[in-house]
Each structure stands twice: as C-alpha cells, then as structure tokens.
C-alpha cells in the first residue's frame, strides 16, 4: 500500500530517503504488474549487489574446516623418508 509520504517523493528519492518504503513500493508495483512504477535503475543495482554478495559469502564453517583438513593432509609428509631426521628426538 502506498503511503501519502511515498506519493510525495519520486521513486529514486524514496530509494535514498526510506529504503524499506522503497522496497515495499517496488514489491507492490511488481505484484500489480505496474512496470511504469518501477525504479528500474535501482532495482538493477540491488540485484547486481545481491549477486556479488552471494559470490563473496563465506562457505559454511564445516565446509571450510573440511577443505583445510584436506589441504593439510595433502601437504603432510607420508613416510619416514619424507619426514627426514628433523622429527627424531636428539640422543644425548
């Protein structure tokens, strides 16, 4: 539902002034298929931003831990020969 405050402001000003009201206004315009009421530039900007955020979003902690353990396992020496003498306790 559009409020009196929203009607007083152009769509792009509403985007800057009251983001939540802008979202509600845009959602209503989409629901009612009023393409001429959509703020296309800012909708596109928000969609692109969401896409970038999704790409940068960190993986689940369990996934990061599993990857780290895999890397450590692959990097660790497998045999006594690969370990060399540095792992042996010095004899006195």
Foldseek 3Di string as FASTA:
>chain_A
DQDPVNVVDQLVVCCVVPVVNSVVQQVVCVVVVVVVNHPVVVVVVVVVVVVVCVVPDDDDPVVVVVVVVVVCVVPDDDDPVSVPDPVDDDDD
